[in-house]
Amino acid sequence: MGQRKSALACTVCGSRNYSRAVSDTNRTERLEVKKFCKYCEKHTLHSETK
């Protein structure tokens, strides 16, 4: 059981700016984090995608 990658996409413009390694595949909710989006040029909410 290795780790898989998941992308974090900006909820405002939809661009996938960050990626992270995910080890727990049994989670049902998606991660949401405030991060800096270089396209919006401000801190926005980023949600986890596949």
PDB file of N, CA and C in Angstrom:
ATOM      1  N   MET A   1       0.831  -1.184   0.000  1.00  0.00           N
ATOM      2  CA  MET A   1       0.000   0.000   0.000  1.00  0.00           C
ATOM      3  C   MET A   1       0.872   1.242   0.000  1.00  0.00           C
ATOM      4  N   GLY A   2       1.160   1.784  -1.147  1.00  0.00           N
ATOM      5  CA  GLY A   2       1.970   2.988  -1.231  1.00  0.00           C
ATOM      6  C   GLY A   2       1.129   4.240  -1.093  1.00  0.00           C
ATOM      7  N   GLN A   3       1.802   5.341  -1.165  1.00  0.00           N
ATOM      8  CA  GLN A   3       1.090   6.608  -1.086  1.00  0.00           C
ATOM      9  C   GLN A   3       0.671   7.019  -2.488  1.00  0.00           C
ATOM     10  N   ARG A   4      -0.472   7.670  -2.575  1.00  0.00           N
ATOM     11  CA  ARG A   4      -0.912   8.192  -3.860  1.00  0.00           C
ATOM     12  C   ARG A   4      -0.897   9.714  -3.800  1.00  0.00           C
ATOM     13  N   LYS A   5      -0.900  10.348  -4.958  1.00  0.00           N
ATOM     14  CA  LYS A   5      -0.863  11.804  -5.011  1.00  0.00           C
ATOM     15  C   LYS A   5      -2.266  12.357  -5.181  1.00  0.00           C
ATOM     16  N   SER A   6      -2.470  13.526  -4.624  1.00  0.00           N
ATOM     17  CA  SER A   6      -3.728  14.233  -4.746  1.00  0.00           C
ATOM     18  C   SER A   6      -3.402  15.697  -4.995  1.00  0.00           C
ATOM     19  N   ALA A   7      -4.179  16.348  -5.849  1.00  0.00           N
ATOM     20  CA  ALA A   7      -3.932  17.759  -6.172  1.00  0.00           C
ATOM     21  C   ALA A   7      -4.857  18.643  -5.357  1.00  0.00           C
ATOM     22  N   LEU A   8      -4.380  19.857  -5.082  1.00  0.00           N
ATOM     23  CA  LEU A   8      -5.210  20.865  -4.431  1.00  0.00           C
ATOM     24  C   LEU A   8      -5.536  21.929  -5.473  1.00  0.00           C
ATOM     25  N   ALA A   9      -6.837  22.112  -5.741  1.00  0.00           N
ATOM     26  CA  ALA A   9      -7.275  23.063  -6.768  1.00  0.00           C
ATOM     27  C   ALA A   9      -7.906  24.279  -6.124  1.00  0.00           C
ATOM     28  N   CYS A  10      -7.637  25.436  -6.703  1.00  0.00           N
ATOM     29  CA  CYS A  10      -8.225  26.690  -6.236  1.00  0.00           C
ATOM     30  C   CYS A  10      -9.728  26.666  -6.496  1.00  0.00           C
ATOM     31  N   THR A  11     -10.519  27.037  -5.491  1.00  0.00           N
ATOM     32  CA  THR A  11     -11.971  27.021  -5.657  1.00  0.00           C
ATOM     33  C   THR A  11     -12.470  28.238  -6.430  1.00  0.00           C
ATOM     34  N   VAL A  12     -11.617  29.264  -6.610  1.00  0.00           N
ATOM     35  CA  VAL A  12     -12.028  30.467  -7.336  1.00  0.00           C
ATOM     36  C   VAL A  12     -11.787  30.301  -8.843  1.00  0.00           C
ATOM     37  N   CYS A  13     -10.544  29.985  -9.224  1.00  0.00           N
ATOM     38  CA  CYS A  13     -10.226  29.892 -10.656  1.00  0.00           C
ATOM     39  C   CYS A  13     -10.119  28.455 -11.159  1.00  0.00           C
ATOM     40  N   GLY A  14      -9.990  27.474 -10.257  1.00  0.00           N
ATOM     41  CA  GLY A  14      -9.961  26.070 -10.661  1.00  0.00           C
ATOM     42  C   GLY A  14      -8.587  25.529 -11.017  1.00  0.00           C
ATOM     43  N   SER A  15      -7.533  26.337 -10.919  1.00  0.00           N
ATOM     44  CA  SER A  15      -6.199  25.847 -11.273  1.00  0.00           C
ATOM     45  C   SER A  15      -5.649  24.958 -10.165  1.00  0.00           C
ATOM     46  N   ARG A  16      -4.937  23.926 -10.572  1.00  0.00           N
ATOM     47  CA  ARG A  16      -4.346  22.980  -9.620  1.00  0.00           C
ATOM     48  C   ARG A  16      -2.931  23.441  -9.313  1.00  0.00           C
ATOM     49  N   ASN A  17      -2.760  24.067  -8.150  1.00  0.00           N
ATOM     50  CA  ASN A  17      -1.497  24.705  -7.801  1.00  0.00           C
ATOM     51  C   ASN A  17      -0.598  23.849  -6.926  1.00  0.00           C
ATOM     52  N   TYR A  18      -1.156  22.962  -6.137  1.00  0.00           N
ATOM     53  CA  TYR A  18      -0.375  22.195  -5.169  1.00  0.00           C
ATOM     54  C   TYR A  18      -0.703  20.714  -5.296  1.00  0.00           C
ATOM     55  N   SER A  19       0.257  19.871  -4.892  1.00  0.00           N
ATOM     56  CA  SER A  19       0.002  18.439  -4.801  1.00  0.00           C
ATOM     57  C   SER A  19       0.512  17.950  -3.459  1.00  0.00           C
ATOM     58  N   ARG A  20      -0.078  16.862  -2.995  1.00  0.00           N
ATOM     59  CA  ARG A  20       0.326  16.305  -1.703  1.00  0.00           C
ATOM     60  C   ARG A  20       0.208  14.802  -1.764  1.00  0.00           C
ATOM     61  N   ALA A  21       0.991  14.125  -0.938  1.00  0.00           N
ATOM     62  CA  ALA A  21       0.944  12.673  -0.844  1.00  0.00           C
ATOM     63  C   ALA A  21      -0.116  12.282   0.172  1.00  0.00           C
ATOM     64  N   VAL A  22      -0.950  11.318  -0.196  1.00  0.00           N
ATOM     65  CA  VAL A  22      -2.035  10.865   0.669  1.00  0.00           C
ATOM     66  C   VAL A  22      -1.824   9.396   0.955  1.00  0.00           C
ATOM     67  N   SER A  23      -1.785   9.042   2.237  1.00  0.00           N
ATOM     68  CA  SER A  23      -1.572   7.644   2.589  1.00  0.00           C
ATOM     69  C   SER A  23      -2.868   6.962   3.016  1.00  0.00           C
ATOM     70  N   ASP A  24      -3.813   7.716   3.573  1.00  0.00           N
ATOM     71  CA  ASP A  24      -5.065   7.132   4.051  1.00  0.00           C
ATOM     72  C   ASP A  24      -6.111   7.195   2.941  1.00  0.00           C
ATOM     73  N   THR A  25      -6.443   6.052   2.350  1.00  0.00           N
ATOM     74  CA  THR A  25      -7.399   6.024   1.245  1.00  0.00           C
ATOM     75  C   THR A  25      -8.829   5.811   1.735  1.00  0.00           C
ATOM     76  N   ASN A  26      -9.056   5.652   3.029  1.00  0.00           N
ATOM     77  CA  ASN A  26     -10.388   5.405   3.559  1.00  0.00           C
ATOM     78  C   ASN A  26     -11.115   6.680   3.968  1.00  0.00           C
ATOM     79  N   ARG A  27     -10.510   7.843   3.729  1.00  0.00           N
ATOM     80  CA  ARG A  27     -11.164   9.103   4.085  1.00  0.00           C
ATOM     81  C   ARG A  27     -12.311   9.372   3.126  1.00  0.00           C
ATOM     82  N   THR A  28     -13.396   9.962   3.633  1.00  0.00           N
ATOM     83  CA  THR A  28     -14.528  10.292   2.767  1.00  0.00           C
ATOM     84  C   THR A  28     -14.606  11.787   2.489  1.00  0.00           C
ATOM     85  N   GLU A  29     -14.155  12.624   3.429  1.00  0.00           N
ATOM     86  CA  GLU A  29     -14.217  14.068   3.213  1.00  0.00           C
ATOM     87  C   GLU A  29     -12.947  14.550   2.516  1.00  0.00           C
ATOM     88  N   ARG A  30     -13.092  15.654   1.781  1.00  0.00           N
ATOM     89  CA  ARG A  30     -11.956  16.220   1.059  1.00  0.00           C
ATOM     90  C   ARG A  30     -11.309  17.322   1.877  1.00  0.00           C
ATOM     91  N   LEU A  31     -10.003  17.411   1.775  1.00  0.00           N
ATOM     92  CA  LEU A  31      -9.238  18.413   2.497  1.00  0.00           C
ATOM     93  C   LEU A  31      -9.477  19.790   1.876  1.00  0.00           C
ATOM     94  N   GLU A  32      -9.665  20.796   2.721  1.00  0.00           N
ATOM     95  CA  GLU A  32      -9.787  22.173   2.255  1.00  0.00           C
ATOM     96  C   GLU A  32      -8.840  23.047   3.066  1.00  0.00           C
ATOM     97  N   VAL A  33      -7.947  23.764   2.370  1.00  0.00           N
ATOM     98  CA  VAL A  33      -6.915  24.559   3.017  1.00  0.00           C
ATOM     99  C   VAL A  33      -6.841  25.916   2.325  1.00  0.00           C
ATOM    100  N   LYS A  34      -6.570  26.969   3.103  1.00  0.00           N
ATOM    101  CA  LYS A  34      -6.329  28.281   2.499  1.00  0.00           C
ATOM    102  C   LYS A  34      -4.871  28.344   2.064  1.00  0.00           C
ATOM    103  N   LYS A  35      -4.643  28.565   0.767  1.00  0.00           N
ATOM    104  CA  LYS A  35      -3.299  28.655   0.210  1.00  0.00           C
ATOM    105  C   LYS A  35      -3.245  29.839  -0.748  1.00  0.00           C
ATOM    106  N   PHE A  36      -2.019  30.227  -1.122  1.00  0.00           N
ATOM    107  CA  PHE A  36      -1.840  31.323  -2.061  1.00  0.00           C
ATOM    108  C   PHE A  36      -1.977  30.812  -3.487  1.00  0.00           C
ATOM    109  N   CYS A  37      -2.835  31.443  -4.269  1.00  0.00           N
ATOM    110  CA  CYS A  37      -2.999  31.104  -5.684  1.00  0.00           C
ATOM    111  C   CYS A  37      -2.250  32.137  -6.510  1.00  0.00           C
ATOM    112  N   LYS A  38      -1.302  31.678  -7.325  1.00  0.00           N
ATOM    113  CA  LYS A  38      -0.503  32.614  -8.106  1.00  0.00           C
ATOM    114  C   LYS A  38      -1.287  33.206  -9.270  1.00  0.00           C
ATOM    115  N   TYR A  39      -2.388  32.594  -9.664  1.00  0.00           N
ATOM    116  CA  TYR A  39      -3.204  33.131 -10.752  1.00  0.00           C
ATOM    117  C   TYR A  39      -4.194  34.180 -10.242  1.00  0.00           C
ATOM    118  N   CYS A  40      -4.785  33.941  -9.072  1.00  0.00           N
ATOM    119  CA  CYS A  40      -5.681  34.930  -8.457  1.00  0.00           C
ATOM    120  C   CYS A  40      -4.886  36.008  -7.725  1.00  0.00           C
ATOM    121  N   GLU A  41      -3.640  35.707  -7.404  1.00  0.00           N
ATOM    122  CA  GLU A  41      -2.724  36.587  -6.672  1.00  0.00           C
ATOM    123  C   GLU A  41      -3.237  36.946  -5.281  1.00  0.00           C
ATOM    124  N   LYS A  42      -3.873  35.988  -4.615  1.00  0.00           N
ATOM    125  CA  LYS A  42      -4.326  36.169  -3.234  1.00  0.00           C
ATOM    126  C   LYS A  42      -4.540  34.801  -2.596  1.00  0.00           C
ATOM    127  N   HIS A  43      -4.733  34.791  -1.291  1.00  0.00           N
ATOM    128  CA  HIS A  43      -4.996  33.547  -0.574  1.00  0.00           C
ATOM    129  C   HIS A  43      -6.454  33.154  -0.795  1.00  0.00           C
ATOM    130  N   THR A  44      -6.663  31.926  -1.297  1.00  0.00           N
ATOM    131  CA  THR A  44      -8.001  31.419  -1.550  1.00  0.00           C
ATOM    132  C   THR A  44      -8.122  30.014  -0.982  1.00  0.00           C
ATOM    133  N   LEU A  45      -9.328  29.526  -0.927  1.00  0.00           N
ATOM    134  CA  LEU A  45      -9.579  28.182  -0.443  1.00  0.00           C
ATOM    135  C   LEU A  45      -9.237  27.181  -1.543  1.00  0.00           C
ATOM    136  N   HIS A  46      -8.425  26.184  -1.217  1.00  0.00           N
ATOM    137  CA  HIS A  46      -8.058  25.123  -2.143  1.00  0.00           C
ATOM    138  C   HIS A  46      -8.654  23.825  -1.631  1.00  0.00           C
ATOM    139  N   SER A  47      -9.293  23.062  -2.520  1.00  0.00           N
ATOM    140  CA  SER A  47      -9.879  21.788  -2.115  1.00  0.00           C
ATOM    141  C   SER A  47      -9.178  20.647  -2.823  1.00  0.00           C
ATOM    142  N   GLU A  48      -9.219  19.485  -2.202  1.00  0.00           N
ATOM    143  CA  GLU A  48      -8.521  18.309  -2.712  1.00  0.00           C
ATOM    144  C   GLU A  48      -9.279  17.722  -3.905  1.00  0.00           C
ATOM    145  N   THR A  49      -8.518  17.367  -4.970  1.00  0.00           N
ATOM    146  CA  THR A  49      -9.078  16.702  -6.133  1.00  0.00           C
ATOM    147  C   THR A  49      -8.367  15.376  -6.310  1.00  0.00           C
ATOM    148  N   LYS A  50      -8.762  14.610  -7.299  1.00  0.00           N
ATOM    149  CA  LYS A  50      -8.140  13.309  -7.532  1.00  0.00           C
ATOM    150  C   LYS A  50      -6.841  13.422  -8.266  1.00  0.00           C
TER     151      LYS A  50
END
